[in-house]
Amino acid sequence: PVDGGEPISIFESGAILLYLAKKINQFLPTDIRGEMEVMQWLFW
């Protein structure tokens, strides 16, 4: 994990996608409007 701590486990596919996108800073915009656009459709 990016915090360098113990292994982290995650369930739920949406949560996994968000975690991985934030981990590598890809496939999720960094600006708030772009991020919310993706988040809306992910939750949809």
PDB file of all heavy atoms in Angstrom:
ATOM      1  N   PRO A   1       0.832  -1.213   0.000  1.00  0.00           N
ATOM      2  CA  PRO A   1       0.000   0.000   0.000  1.00  0.00           C
ATOM      3  C   PRO A   1       0.863   1.258   0.000  1.00  0.00           C
ATOM      4  O   PRO A   1       2.023   1.236   0.415  1.00  0.00           O
ATOM      5  CB  PRO A   1      -0.806  -0.123   1.301  1.00  0.00           C
ATOM      6  CG  PRO A   1      -0.002  -1.025   2.167  1.00  0.00           C
ATOM      7  CD  PRO A   1       0.704  -1.975   1.251  1.00  0.00           C
ATOM      8  N   VAL A   2       0.284   2.342  -0.484  1.00  0.00           N
ATOM      9  CA  VAL A   2       1.067   3.566  -0.660  1.00  0.00           C
ATOM     10  C   VAL A   2       1.525   4.154   0.667  1.00  0.00           C
ATOM     11  O   VAL A   2       2.492   4.924   0.700  1.00  0.00           O
ATOM     12  CB  VAL A   2       0.260   4.623  -1.448  1.00  0.00           C
ATOM     13  CG1 VAL A   2       0.049   4.171  -2.872  1.00  0.00           C
ATOM     14  CG2 VAL A   2      -1.084   4.909  -0.775  1.00  0.00           C
ATOM     15  N   ASP A   3       0.865   3.819   1.771  1.00  0.00           N
ATOM     16  CA  ASP A   3       1.301   4.367   3.060  1.00  0.00           C
ATOM     17  C   ASP A   3       2.457   3.571   3.656  1.00  0.00           C
ATOM     18  O   ASP A   3       2.966   3.914   4.732  1.00  0.00           O
ATOM     19  CB  ASP A   3       0.131   4.435   4.044  1.00  0.00           C
ATOM     20  CG  ASP A   3      -0.437   3.069   4.415  1.00  0.00           C
ATOM     21  OD1 ASP A   3       0.102   2.042   3.943  1.00  0.00           O
ATOM     22  OD2 ASP A   3      -1.424   3.032   5.168  1.00  0.00           O
ATOM     23  N   GLY A   4       2.882   2.517   2.968  1.00  0.00           N
ATOM     24  CA  GLY A   4       4.008   1.734   3.451  1.00  0.00           C
ATOM     25  C   GLY A   4       3.708   0.850   4.639  1.00  0.00           C
ATOM     26  O   GLY A   4       4.611   0.239   5.203  1.00  0.00           O
ATOM     27  N   GLY A   5       2.444   0.753   5.013  1.00  0.00           N
ATOM     28  CA  GLY A   5       2.077  -0.028   6.187  1.00  0.00           C
ATOM     29  C   GLY A   5       1.809  -1.485   5.860  1.00  0.00           C
ATOM     30  O   GLY A   5       2.265  -2.014   4.844  1.00  0.00           O
ATOM     31  N   GLU A   6       1.052  -2.120   6.753  1.00  0.00           N
ATOM     32  CA  GLU A   6       0.708  -3.526   6.575  1.00  0.00           C
ATOM     33  C   GLU A   6      -0.169  -3.709   5.338  1.00  0.00           C
ATOM     34  O   GLU A   6      -0.818  -2.759   4.872  1.00  0.00           O
ATOM     35  CB  GLU A   6      -0.039  -4.024   7.816  1.00  0.00           C
ATOM     36  CG  GLU A   6       0.801  -4.059   9.076  1.00  0.00           C
ATOM     37  CD  GLU A   6       1.936  -5.066   8.973  1.00  0.00           C
ATOM     38  OE1 GLU A   6       1.682  -6.201   8.507  1.00  0.00           O
ATOM     39  OE2 GLU A   6       3.077  -4.723   9.350  1.00  0.00           O
ATOM     40  N   PRO A   7      -0.213  -4.922   4.775  1.00  0.00           N
ATOM     41  CA  PRO A   7      -1.112  -5.175   3.640  1.00  0.00           C
ATOM     42  C   PRO A   7      -2.534  -4.744   3.963  1.00  0.00           C
ATOM     43  O   PRO A   7      -2.987  -4.854   5.102  1.00  0.00           O
ATOM     44  CB  PRO A   7      -1.005  -6.689   3.451  1.00  0.00           C
ATOM     45  CG  PRO A   7       0.361  -7.033   3.964  1.00  0.00           C
ATOM     46  CD  PRO A   7       0.579  -6.115   5.145  1.00  0.00           C
ATOM     47  N   ILE A   8      -3.219  -4.241   2.950  1.00  0.00           N
ATOM     48  CA  ILE A   8      -4.581  -3.749   3.123  1.00  0.00           C
ATOM     49  C   ILE A   8      -5.521  -4.580   2.267  1.00  0.00           C
ATOM     50  O   ILE A   8      -5.213  -4.899   1.116  1.00  0.00           O
ATOM     51  CB  ILE A   8      -4.691  -2.244   2.761  1.00  0.00           C
ATOM     52  CG1 ILE A   8      -6.101  -1.710   3.037  1.00  0.00           C
ATOM     53  CG2 ILE A   8      -4.287  -1.980   1.312  1.00  0.00           C
ATOM     54  CD1 ILE A   8      -6.211  -0.208   2.894  1.00  0.00           C
ATOM     55  N   SER A   9      -6.650  -4.974   2.849  1.00  0.00           N
ATOM     56  CA  SER A   9      -7.649  -5.738   2.105  1.00  0.00           C
ATOM     57  C   SER A   9      -8.857  -4.851   1.824  1.00  0.00           C
ATOM     58  O   SER A   9      -9.236  -4.011   2.653  1.00  0.00           O
ATOM     59  CB  SER A   9      -8.067  -6.988   2.875  1.00  0.00           C
ATOM     60  OG  SER A   9      -8.731  -6.652   4.072  1.00  0.00           O
ATOM     61  N   ILE A  10      -9.456  -5.054   0.653  1.00  0.00           N
ATOM     62  CA  ILE A  10     -10.590  -4.229   0.215  1.00  0.00           C
ATOM     63  C   ILE A  10     -11.602  -5.127  -0.475  1.00  0.00           C
ATOM     64  O   ILE A  10     -11.229  -5.977  -1.299  1.00  0.00           O
ATOM     65  CB  ILE A  10     -10.144  -3.124  -0.763  1.00  0.00           C
ATOM     66  CG1 ILE A  10      -9.049  -2.268  -0.132  1.00  0.00           C
ATOM     67  CG2 ILE A  10     -11.315  -2.244  -1.178  1.00  0.00           C
ATOM     68  CD1 ILE A  10      -8.284  -1.429  -1.123  1.00  0.00           C
ATOM     69  N   PHE A  11     -12.876  -4.946  -0.133  1.00  0.00           N
ATOM     70  CA  PHE A  11     -13.936  -5.647  -0.842  1.00  0.00           C
ATOM     71  C   PHE A  11     -14.858  -4.621  -1.483  1.00  0.00           C
ATOM     72  O   PHE A  11     -14.754  -3.424  -1.210  1.00  0.00           O
ATOM     73  CB  PHE A  11     -14.707  -6.595   0.090  1.00  0.00           C
ATOM     74  CG  PHE A  11     -15.579  -5.907   1.123  1.00  0.00           C
ATOM     75  CD1 PHE A  11     -16.942  -5.788   0.931  1.00  0.00           C
ATOM     76  CD2 PHE A  11     -15.022  -5.415   2.307  1.00  0.00           C
ATOM     77  CE1 PHE A  11     -17.746  -5.180   1.886  1.00  0.00           C
ATOM     78  CE2 PHE A  11     -15.824  -4.806   3.273  1.00  0.00           C
ATOM     79  CZ  PHE A  11     -17.191  -4.689   3.058  1.00  0.00           C
ATOM     80  N   GLU A  12     -15.740  -5.060  -2.361  1.00  0.00           N
ATOM     81  CA  GLU A  12     -16.632  -4.260  -3.191  1.00  0.00           C
ATOM     82  C   GLU A  12     -15.866  -3.684  -4.385  1.00  0.00           C
ATOM     83  O   GLU A  12     -14.895  -2.938  -4.231  1.00  0.00           O
ATOM     84  CB  GLU A  12     -17.340  -3.149  -2.417  1.00  0.00           C
ATOM     85  CG  GLU A  12     -18.471  -3.628  -1.535  1.00  0.00           C
ATOM     86  CD  GLU A  12     -19.642  -4.206  -2.344  1.00  0.00           C
ATOM     87  OE1 GLU A  12     -19.920  -3.715  -3.457  1.00  0.00           O
ATOM     88  OE2 GLU A  12     -20.261  -5.172  -1.855  1.00  0.00           O
ATOM     89  N   SER A  13     -16.344  -4.029  -5.584  1.00  0.00           N
ATOM     90  CA  SER A  13     -15.618  -3.691  -6.806  1.00  0.00           C
ATOM     91  C   SER A  13     -15.441  -2.182  -6.993  1.00  0.00           C
ATOM     92  O   SER A  13     -14.394  -1.729  -7.456  1.00  0.00           O
ATOM     93  CB  SER A  13     -16.319  -4.289  -8.020  1.00  0.00           C
ATOM     94  OG  SER A  13     -17.652  -3.826  -8.134  1.00  0.00           O
ATOM     95  N   GLY A  14     -16.454  -1.393  -6.628  1.00  0.00           N
ATOM     96  CA  GLY A  14     -16.319   0.058  -6.760  1.00  0.00           C
ATOM     97  C   GLY A  14     -15.237   0.616  -5.862  1.00  0.00           C
ATOM     98  O   GLY A  14     -14.439   1.469  -6.273  1.00  0.00           O
ATOM     99  N   ALA A  15     -15.204   0.134  -4.622  1.00  0.00           N
ATOM    100  CA  ALA A  15     -14.174   0.575  -3.685  1.00  0.00           C
ATOM    101  C   ALA A  15     -12.788   0.156  -4.157  1.00  0.00           C
ATOM    102  O   ALA A  15     -11.811   0.912  -4.026  1.00  0.00           O
ATOM    103  CB  ALA A  15     -14.448   0.008  -2.292  1.00  0.00           C
ATOM    104  N   ILE A  16     -12.692  -1.035  -4.726  1.00  0.00           N
ATOM    105  CA  ILE A  16     -11.398  -1.511  -5.238  1.00  0.00           C
ATOM    106  C   ILE A  16     -10.925  -0.626  -6.381  1.00  0.00           C
ATOM    107  O   ILE A  16      -9.752  -0.222  -6.445  1.00  0.00           O
ATOM    108  CB  ILE A  16     -11.515  -2.976  -5.688  1.00  0.00           C
ATOM    109  CG1 ILE A  16     -11.802  -3.885  -4.494  1.00  0.00           C
ATOM    110  CG2 ILE A  16     -10.232  -3.430  -6.391  1.00  0.00           C
ATOM    111  CD1 ILE A  16     -12.205  -5.302  -4.877  1.00  0.00           C
ATOM    112  N   LEU A  17     -11.822  -0.306  -7.315  1.00  0.00           N
ATOM    113  CA  LEU A  17     -11.447   0.551  -8.442  1.00  0.00           C
ATOM    114  C   LEU A  17     -10.983   1.922  -7.967  1.00  0.00           C
ATOM    115  O   LEU A  17      -9.978   2.458  -8.451  1.00  0.00           O
ATOM    116  CB  LEU A  17     -12.625   0.700  -9.411  1.00  0.00           C
ATOM    117  CG  LEU A  17     -12.973  -0.531 -10.250  1.00  0.00           C
ATOM    118  CD1 LEU A  17     -14.266  -0.286 -11.023  1.00  0.00           C
ATOM    119  CD2 LEU A  17     -11.845  -0.887 -11.199  1.00  0.00           C
ATOM    120  N   LEU A  18     -11.698   2.492  -7.002  1.00  0.00           N
ATOM    121  CA  LEU A  18     -11.293   3.799  -6.467  1.00  0.00           C
ATOM    122  C   LEU A  18      -9.932   3.717  -5.793  1.00  0.00           C
ATOM    123  O   LEU A  18      -9.069   4.590  -5.992  1.00  0.00           O
ATOM    124  CB  LEU A  18     -12.345   4.301  -5.476  1.00  0.00           C
ATOM    125  CG  LEU A  18     -13.588   4.950  -6.073  1.00  0.00           C
ATOM    126  CD1 LEU A  18     -14.629   5.197  -4.988  1.00  0.00           C
ATOM    127  CD2 LEU A  18     -13.234   6.268  -6.764  1.00  0.00           C
ATOM    128  N   TYR A  19      -9.737   2.691  -5.003  1.00  0.00           N
ATOM    129  CA  TYR A  19      -8.459   2.532  -4.306  1.00  0.00           C
ATOM    130  C   TYR A  19      -7.308   2.418  -5.297  1.00  0.00           C
ATOM    131  O   TYR A  19      -6.273   3.095  -5.160  1.00  0.00           O
ATOM    132  CB  TYR A  19      -8.504   1.303  -3.405  1.00  0.00           C
ATOM    133  CG  TYR A  19      -7.153   0.952  -2.821  1.00  0.00           C
ATOM    134  CD1 TYR A  19      -6.657   1.626  -1.705  1.00  0.00           C
ATOM    135  CD2 TYR A  19      -6.353  -0.022  -3.406  1.00  0.00           C
ATOM    136  CE1 TYR A  19      -5.397   1.326  -1.187  1.00  0.00           C
ATOM    137  CE2 TYR A  19      -5.099  -0.332  -2.897  1.00  0.00           C
ATOM    138  CZ  TYR A  19      -4.627   0.354  -1.787  1.00  0.00           C
ATOM    139  OH  TYR A  19      -3.376   0.069  -1.287  1.00  0.00           O
ATOM    140  N   LEU A  20      -7.467   1.558  -6.281  1.00  0.00           N
ATOM    141  CA  LEU A  20      -6.389   1.340  -7.246  1.00  0.00           C
ATOM    142  C   LEU A  20      -6.116   2.580  -8.078  1.00  0.00           C
ATOM    143  O   LEU A  20      -4.959   2.906  -8.371  1.00  0.00           O
ATOM    144  CB  LEU A  20      -6.731   0.147  -8.145  1.00  0.00           C
ATOM    145  CG  LEU A  20      -6.773  -1.222  -7.458  1.00  0.00           C
ATOM    146  CD1 LEU A  20      -7.289  -2.285  -8.430  1.00  0.00           C
ATOM    147  CD2 LEU A  20      -5.395  -1.608  -6.928  1.00  0.00           C
ATOM    148  N   ALA A  21      -7.181   3.290  -8.473  1.00  0.00           N
ATOM    149  CA  ALA A  21      -6.991   4.515  -9.262  1.00  0.00           C
ATOM    150  C   ALA A  21      -6.218   5.560  -8.463  1.00  0.00           C
ATOM    151  O   ALA A  21      -5.337   6.249  -8.997  1.00  0.00           O
ATOM    152  CB  ALA A  21      -8.346   5.064  -9.696  1.00  0.00           C
ATOM    153  N   LYS A  22      -6.538   5.680  -7.184  1.00  0.00           N
ATOM    154  CA  LYS A  22      -5.826   6.638  -6.340  1.00  0.00           C
ATOM    155  C   LYS A  22      -4.395   6.167  -6.063  1.00  0.00           C
ATOM    156  O   LYS A  22      -3.481   6.981  -5.920  1.00  0.00           O
ATOM    157  CB  LYS A  22      -6.589   6.847  -5.033  1.00  0.00           C
ATOM    158  CG  LYS A  22      -7.885   7.649  -5.211  1.00  0.00           C
ATOM    159  CD  LYS A  22      -8.614   7.830  -3.903  1.00  0.00           C
ATOM    160  CE  LYS A  22      -9.850   8.707  -4.071  1.00  0.00           C
ATOM    161  NZ  LYS A  22      -9.501  10.116  -4.386  1.00  0.00           N
ATOM    162  N   LYS A  23      -4.214   4.867  -5.992  1.00  0.00           N
ATOM    163  CA  LYS A  23      -2.885   4.318  -5.716  1.00  0.00           C
ATOM    164  C   LYS A  23      -1.886   4.694  -6.811  1.00  0.00           C
ATOM    165  O   LYS A  23      -0.741   5.049  -6.523  1.00  0.00           O
ATOM    166  CB  LYS A  23      -2.971   2.795  -5.596  1.00  0.00           C
ATOM    167  CG  LYS A  23      -1.625   2.071  -5.434  1.00  0.00           C
ATOM    168  CD  LYS A  23      -1.820   0.556  -5.426  1.00  0.00           C
ATOM    169  CE  LYS A  23      -0.501  -0.184  -5.443  1.00  0.00           C
ATOM    170  NZ  LYS A  23       0.211  -0.165  -4.149  1.00  0.00           N
ATOM    171  N   ILE A  24      -2.343   4.644  -8.079  1.00  0.00           N
ATOM    172  CA  ILE A  24      -1.419   4.893  -9.188  1.00  0.00           C
ATOM    173  C   ILE A  24      -1.673   6.228  -9.883  1.00  0.00           C
ATOM    174  O   ILE A  24      -0.990   6.564 -10.851  1.00  0.00           O
ATOM    175  CB  ILE A  24      -1.482   3.751 -10.217  1.00  0.00           C
ATOM    176  CG1 ILE A  24      -2.863   3.704 -10.880  1.00  0.00           C
ATOM    177  CG2 ILE A  24      -1.127   2.417  -9.582  1.00  0.00           C
ATOM    178  CD1 ILE A  24      -2.912   2.782 -12.083  1.00  0.00           C
ATOM    179  N   ASN A  25      -2.684   6.977  -9.385  1.00  0.00           N
ATOM    180  CA  ASN A  25      -3.017   8.282  -9.978  1.00  0.00           C
ATOM    181  C   ASN A  25      -3.305   8.171 -11.470  1.00  0.00           C
ATOM    182  O   ASN A  25      -2.824   8.962 -12.286  1.00  0.00           O
ATOM    183  CB  ASN A  25      -1.890   9.293  -9.736  1.00  0.00           C
ATOM    184  CG  ASN A  25      -1.746   9.655  -8.278  1.00  0.00           C
ATOM    185  OD1 ASN A  25      -2.742   9.902  -7.590  1.00  0.00           O
ATOM    186  ND2 ASN A  25      -0.521   9.676  -7.777  1.00  0.00           N
ATOM    187  N   GLN A  26      -4.135   7.201 -11.813  1.00  0.00           N
ATOM    188  CA  GLN A  26      -4.579   7.028 -13.190  1.00  0.00           C
ATOM    189  C   GLN A  26      -6.060   6.672 -13.205  1.00  0.00           C
ATOM    190  O   GLN A  26      -6.595   6.126 -12.243  1.00  0.00           O
ATOM    191  CB  GLN A  26      -3.803   5.913 -13.890  1.00  0.00           C
ATOM    192  CG  GLN A  26      -2.348   6.214 -14.183  1.00  0.00           C
ATOM    193  CD  GLN A  26      -1.714   5.113 -15.000  1.00  0.00           C
ATOM    194  OE1 GLN A  26      -2.225   4.722 -16.054  1.00  0.00           O
ATOM    195  NE2 GLN A  26      -0.601   4.582 -14.520  1.00  0.00           N
ATOM    196  N   PHE A  27      -6.706   7.003 -14.325  1.00  0.00           N
ATOM    197  CA  PHE A  27      -8.095   6.630 -14.589  1.00  0.00           C
ATOM    198  C   PHE A  27      -9.088   7.287 -13.647  1.00  0.00           C
ATOM    199  O   PHE A  27     -10.235   6.844 -13.529  1.00  0.00           O
ATOM    200  CB  PHE A  27      -8.259   5.102 -14.556  1.00  0.00           C
ATOM    201  CG  PHE A  27      -7.265   4.378 -15.422  1.00  0.00           C
ATOM    202  CD1 PHE A  27      -6.339   3.497 -14.867  1.00  0.00           C
ATOM    203  CD2 PHE A  27      -7.235   4.602 -16.792  1.00  0.00           C
ATOM    204  CE1 PHE A  27      -5.426   2.833 -15.662  1.00  0.00           C
ATOM    205  CE2 PHE A  27      -6.308   3.945 -17.600  1.00  0.00           C
ATOM    206  CZ  PHE A  27      -5.407   3.057 -17.037  1.00  0.00           C
ATOM    207  N   LEU A  28      -8.660   8.339 -12.953  1.00  0.00           N
ATOM    208  CA  LEU A  28      -9.537   9.142 -12.104  1.00  0.00           C
ATOM    209  C   LEU A  28      -8.973  10.559 -12.082  1.00  0.00           C
ATOM    210  O   LEU A  28      -7.841  10.756 -11.619  1.00  0.00           O
ATOM    211  CB  LEU A  28      -9.592   8.580 -10.686  1.00  0.00           C
ATOM    212  CG  LEU A  28     -10.496   9.320  -9.683  1.00  0.00           C
ATOM    213  CD1 LEU A  28     -11.957   9.200 -10.095  1.00  0.00           C
ATOM    214  CD2 LEU A  28     -10.285   8.768  -8.272  1.00  0.00           C
ATOM    215  N   PRO A  29      -9.722  11.535 -12.597  1.00  0.00           N
ATOM    216  CA  PRO A  29      -9.197  12.908 -12.646  1.00  0.00           C
ATOM    217  C   PRO A  29      -8.840  13.429 -11.256  1.00  0.00           C
ATOM    218  O   PRO A  29      -9.424  13.028 -10.253  1.00  0.00           O
ATOM    219  CB  PRO A  29     -10.348  13.710 -13.264  1.00  0.00           C
ATOM    220  CG  PRO A  29     -11.159  12.697 -14.010  1.00  0.00           C
ATOM    221  CD  PRO A  29     -11.047  11.431 -13.211  1.00  0.00           C
ATOM    222  N   THR A  30      -7.893  14.337 -11.224  1.00  0.00           N
ATOM    223  CA  THR A  30      -7.478  14.932  -9.953  1.00  0.00           C
ATOM    224  C   THR A  30      -8.240  16.211  -9.636  1.00  0.00           C
ATOM    225  O   THR A  30      -8.262  16.643  -8.485  1.00  0.00           O
ATOM    226  CB  THR A  30      -5.968  15.223  -9.969  1.00  0.00           C
ATOM    227  OG1 THR A  30      -5.662  16.041 -11.106  1.00  0.00           O
ATOM    228  CG2 THR A  30      -5.177  13.927 -10.064  1.00  0.00           C
ATOM    229  N   ASP A  31      -8.858  16.835 -10.641  1.00  0.00           N
ATOM    230  CA  ASP A  31      -9.662  18.030 -10.360  1.00  0.00           C
ATOM    231  C   ASP A  31     -11.036  17.599  -9.870  1.00  0.00           C
ATOM    232  O   ASP A  31     -11.547  16.533 -10.237  1.00  0.00           O
ATOM    233  CB  ASP A  31      -9.793  18.898 -11.609  1.00  0.00           C
ATOM    234  CG  ASP A  31     -10.604  18.225 -12.703  1.00  0.00           C
ATOM    235  OD1 ASP A  31     -10.084  17.271 -13.326  1.00  0.00           O
ATOM    236  OD2 ASP A  31     -11.764  18.613 -12.917  1.00  0.00           O
ATOM    237  N   ILE A  32     -11.651  18.419  -9.033  1.00  0.00           N
ATOM    238  CA  ILE A  32     -12.874  18.037  -8.344  1.00  0.00           C
ATOM    239  C   ILE A  32     -14.023  17.782  -9.314  1.00  0.00           C
ATOM    240  O   ILE A  32     -14.792  16.822  -9.149  1.00  0.00           O
ATOM    241  CB  ILE A  32     -13.280  19.102  -7.285  1.00  0.00           C
ATOM    242  CG1 ILE A  32     -14.477  18.609  -6.458  1.00  0.00           C
ATOM    243  CG2 ILE A  32     -13.583  20.440  -7.941  1.00  0.00           C
ATOM    244  CD1 ILE A  32     -14.206  17.359  -5.664  1.00  0.00           C
ATOM    245  N   ARG A  33     -14.126  18.586 -10.372  1.00  0.00           N
ATOM    246  CA  ARG A  33     -15.237  18.411 -11.318  1.00  0.00           C
ATOM    247  C   ARG A  33     -15.077  17.108 -12.120  1.00  0.00           C
ATOM    248  O   ARG A  33     -16.035  16.361 -12.322  1.00  0.00           O
ATOM    249  CB  ARG A  33     -15.352  19.611 -12.243  1.00  0.00           C
ATOM    250  CG  ARG A  33     -15.749  20.879 -11.511  1.00  0.00           C
ATOM    251  CD  ARG A  33     -15.800  22.095 -12.429  1.00  0.00           C
ATOM    252  NE  ARG A  33     -16.019  23.313 -11.661  1.00  0.00           N
ATOM    253  CZ  ARG A  33     -17.207  23.780 -11.324  1.00  0.00           C
ATOM    254  NH1 ARG A  33     -18.293  23.140 -11.707  1.00  0.00           N
ATOM    255  NH2 ARG A  33     -17.313  24.897 -10.624  1.00  0.00           N
ATOM    256  N   GLY A  34     -13.862  16.866 -12.553  1.00  0.00           N
ATOM    257  CA  GLY A  34     -13.607  15.634 -13.282  1.00  0.00           C
ATOM    258  C   GLY A  34     -13.786  14.407 -12.416  1.00  0.00           C
ATOM    259  O   GLY A  34     -14.346  13.390 -12.844  1.00  0.00           O
ATOM    260  N   GLU A  35     -13.307  14.506 -11.172  1.00  0.00           N
ATOM    261  CA  GLU A  35     -13.449  13.380 -10.253  1.00  0.00           C
ATOM    262  C   GLU A  35     -14.917  13.083  -9.983  1.00  0.00           C
ATOM    263  O   GLU A  35     -15.342  11.924  -9.964  1.00  0.00           O
ATOM    264  CB  GLU A  35     -12.727  13.671  -8.935  1.00  0.00           C
ATOM    265  CG  GLU A  35     -12.811  12.522  -7.945  1.00  0.00           C
ATOM    266  CD  GLU A  35     -12.113  12.817  -6.635  1.00  0.00           C
ATOM    267  OE1 GLU A  35     -11.529  13.909  -6.486  1.00  0.00           O
ATOM    268  OE2 GLU A  35     -12.154  11.943  -5.742  1.00  0.00           O
ATOM    269  N   MET A  36     -15.717  14.103  -9.764  1.00  0.00           N
ATOM    270  CA  MET A  36     -17.131  13.896  -9.477  1.00  0.00           C
ATOM    271  C   MET A  36     -17.867  13.336 -10.688  1.00  0.00           C
ATOM    272  O   MET A  36     -18.826  12.566 -10.534  1.00  0.00           O
ATOM    273  CB  MET A  36     -17.782  15.207  -9.016  1.00  0.00           C
ATOM    274  CG  MET A  36     -17.387  15.627  -7.609  1.00  0.00           C
ATOM    275  SD  MET A  36     -17.795  14.366  -6.351  1.00  0.00           S
ATOM    276  CE  MET A  36     -16.168  13.656  -6.040  1.00  0.00           C
ATOM    277  N   GLU A  37     -17.439  13.703 -11.887  1.00  0.00           N
ATOM    278  CA  GLU A  37     -18.050  13.143 -13.088  1.00  0.00           C
ATOM    279  C   GLU A  37     -17.856  11.627 -13.114  1.00  0.00           C
ATOM    280  O   GLU A  37     -18.789  10.864 -13.373  1.00  0.00           O
ATOM    281  CB  GLU A  37     -17.436  13.781 -14.337  1.00  0.00           C
ATOM    282  CG  GLU A  37     -18.060  13.342 -15.649  1.00  0.00           C
ATOM    283  CD  GLU A  37     -19.414  13.970 -15.927  1.00  0.00           C
ATOM    284  OE1 GLU A  37     -19.830  14.880 -15.175  1.00  0.00           O
ATOM    285  OE2 GLU A  37     -20.061  13.540 -16.888  1.00  0.00           O
ATOM    286  N   VAL A  38     -16.645  11.184 -12.822  1.00  0.00           N
ATOM    287  CA  VAL A  38     -16.367   9.753 -12.776  1.00  0.00           C
ATOM    288  C   VAL A  38     -17.123   9.095 -11.623  1.00  0.00           C
ATOM    289  O   VAL A  38     -17.734   8.025 -11.786  1.00  0.00           O
ATOM    290  CB  VAL A  38     -14.854   9.493 -12.644  1.00  0.00           C
ATOM    291  CG1 VAL A  38     -14.579   8.011 -12.364  1.00  0.00           C
ATOM    292  CG2 VAL A  38     -14.123   9.944 -13.896  1.00  0.00           C
ATOM    293  N   MET A  39     -17.110   9.728 -10.458  1.00  0.00           N
ATOM    294  CA  MET A  39     -17.747   9.138  -9.277  1.00  0.00           C
ATOM    295  C   MET A  39     -19.248   8.941  -9.486  1.00  0.00           C
ATOM    296  O   MET A  39     -19.813   7.918  -9.083  1.00  0.00           O
ATOM    297  CB  MET A  39     -17.501  10.032  -8.069  1.00  0.00           C
ATOM    298  CG  MET A  39     -16.055  10.109  -7.646  1.00  0.00           C
ATOM    299  SD  MET A  39     -15.532   8.693  -6.681  1.00  0.00           S
ATOM    300  CE  MET A  39     -16.117   9.181  -5.065  1.00  0.00           C
ATOM    301  N   GLN A  40     -19.902   9.922 -10.124  1.00  0.00           N
ATOM    302  CA  GLN A  40     -21.338   9.800 -10.363  1.00  0.00           C
ATOM    303  C   GLN A  40     -21.655   8.556 -11.180  1.00  0.00           C
ATOM    304  O   GLN A  40     -22.567   7.787 -10.845  1.00  0.00           O
ATOM    305  CB  GLN A  40     -21.859  11.035 -11.104  1.00  0.00           C
ATOM    306  CG  GLN A  40     -21.902  12.286 -10.268  1.00  0.00           C
ATOM    307  CD  GLN A  40     -22.353  13.485 -11.082  1.00  0.00           C
ATOM    308  OE1 GLN A  40     -23.477  13.948 -10.923  1.00  0.00           O
ATOM    309  NE2 GLN A  40     -21.493  13.976 -11.960  1.00  0.00           N
ATOM    310  N   TRP A  41     -20.892   8.359 -12.252  1.00  0.00           N
ATOM    311  CA  TRP A  41     -21.166   7.227 -13.124  1.00  0.00           C
ATOM    312  C   TRP A  41     -20.722   5.902 -12.495  1.00  0.00           C
ATOM    313  O   TRP A  41     -21.340   4.856 -12.733  1.00  0.00           O
ATOM    314  CB  TRP A  41     -20.531   7.432 -14.488  1.00  0.00           C
ATOM    315  CG  TRP A  41     -21.268   8.485 -15.256  1.00  0.00           C
ATOM    316  CD1 TRP A  41     -20.886   9.782 -15.477  1.00  0.00           C
ATOM    317  CD2 TRP A  41     -22.555   8.342 -15.860  1.00  0.00           C
ATOM    318  NE1 TRP A  41     -21.857  10.451 -16.183  1.00  0.00           N
ATOM    319  CE2 TRP A  41     -22.891   9.590 -16.435  1.00  0.00           C
ATOM    320  CE3 TRP A  41     -23.452   7.283 -15.975  1.00  0.00           C
ATOM    321  CZ2 TRP A  41     -24.090   9.790 -17.114  1.00  0.00           C
ATOM    322  CZ3 TRP A  41     -24.651   7.477 -16.652  1.00  0.00           C
ATOM    323  CH2 TRP A  41     -24.952   8.729 -17.211  1.00  0.00           C
ATOM    324  N   LEU A  42     -19.686   5.936 -11.687  1.00  0.00           N
ATOM    325  CA  LEU A  42     -19.288   4.729 -10.968  1.00  0.00           C
ATOM    326  C   LEU A  42     -20.394   4.311 -10.005  1.00  0.00           C
ATOM    327  O   LEU A  42     -20.774   3.130  -9.948  1.00  0.00           O
ATOM    328  CB  LEU A  42     -17.984   4.973 -10.203  1.00  0.00           C
ATOM    329  CG  LEU A  42     -17.487   3.804  -9.350  1.00  0.00           C
ATOM    330  CD1 LEU A  42     -17.151   2.590 -10.206  1.00  0.00           C
ATOM    331  CD2 LEU A  42     -16.274   4.226  -8.515  1.00  0.00           C
ATOM    332  N   PHE A  43     -20.948   5.257  -9.258  1.00  0.00           N
ATOM    333  CA  PHE A  43     -22.016   4.931  -8.316  1.00  0.00           C
ATOM    334  C   PHE A  43     -23.303   4.568  -9.055  1.00  0.00           C
ATOM    335  O   PHE A  43     -24.098   3.754  -8.566  1.00  0.00           O
ATOM    336  CB  PHE A  43     -22.240   6.090  -7.344  1.00  0.00           C
ATOM    337  CG  PHE A  43     -21.264   6.095  -6.200  1.00  0.00           C
ATOM    338  CD1 PHE A  43     -19.998   6.645  -6.337  1.00  0.00           C
ATOM    339  CD2 PHE A  43     -21.601   5.524  -4.979  1.00  0.00           C
ATOM    340  CE1 PHE A  43     -19.087   6.630  -5.303  1.00  0.00           C
ATOM    341  CE2 PHE A  43     -20.705   5.509  -3.927  1.00  0.00           C
ATOM    342  CZ  PHE A  43     -19.441   6.056  -4.087  1.00  0.00           C
ATOM    343  N   TRP A  44     -23.515   5.153 -10.230  1.00  0.00           N
ATOM    344  CA  TRP A  44     -24.664   4.778 -11.060  1.00  0.00           C
ATOM    345  C   TRP A  44     -24.569   3.302 -11.440  1.00  0.00           C
ATOM    346  O   TRP A  44     -25.554   2.568 -11.382  1.00  0.00           O
ATOM    347  CB  TRP A  44     -24.671   5.650 -12.313  1.00  0.00           C
ATOM    348  CG  TRP A  44     -25.711   5.303 -13.336  1.00  0.00           C
ATOM    349  CD1 TRP A  44     -27.032   5.670 -13.327  1.00  0.00           C
ATOM    350  CD2 TRP A  44     -25.520   4.542 -14.536  1.00  0.00           C
ATOM    351  NE1 TRP A  44     -27.675   5.182 -14.442  1.00  0.00           N
ATOM    352  CE2 TRP A  44     -26.768   4.487 -15.202  1.00  0.00           C
ATOM    353  CE3 TRP A  44     -24.422   3.908 -15.117  1.00  0.00           C
ATOM    354  CZ2 TRP A  44     -26.949   3.824 -16.422  1.00  0.00           C
ATOM    355  CZ3 TRP A  44     -24.587   3.251 -16.316  1.00  0.00           C
ATOM    356  CH2 TRP A  44     -25.834   3.211 -16.962  1.00  0.00           C
TER     357      TRP A  44
END
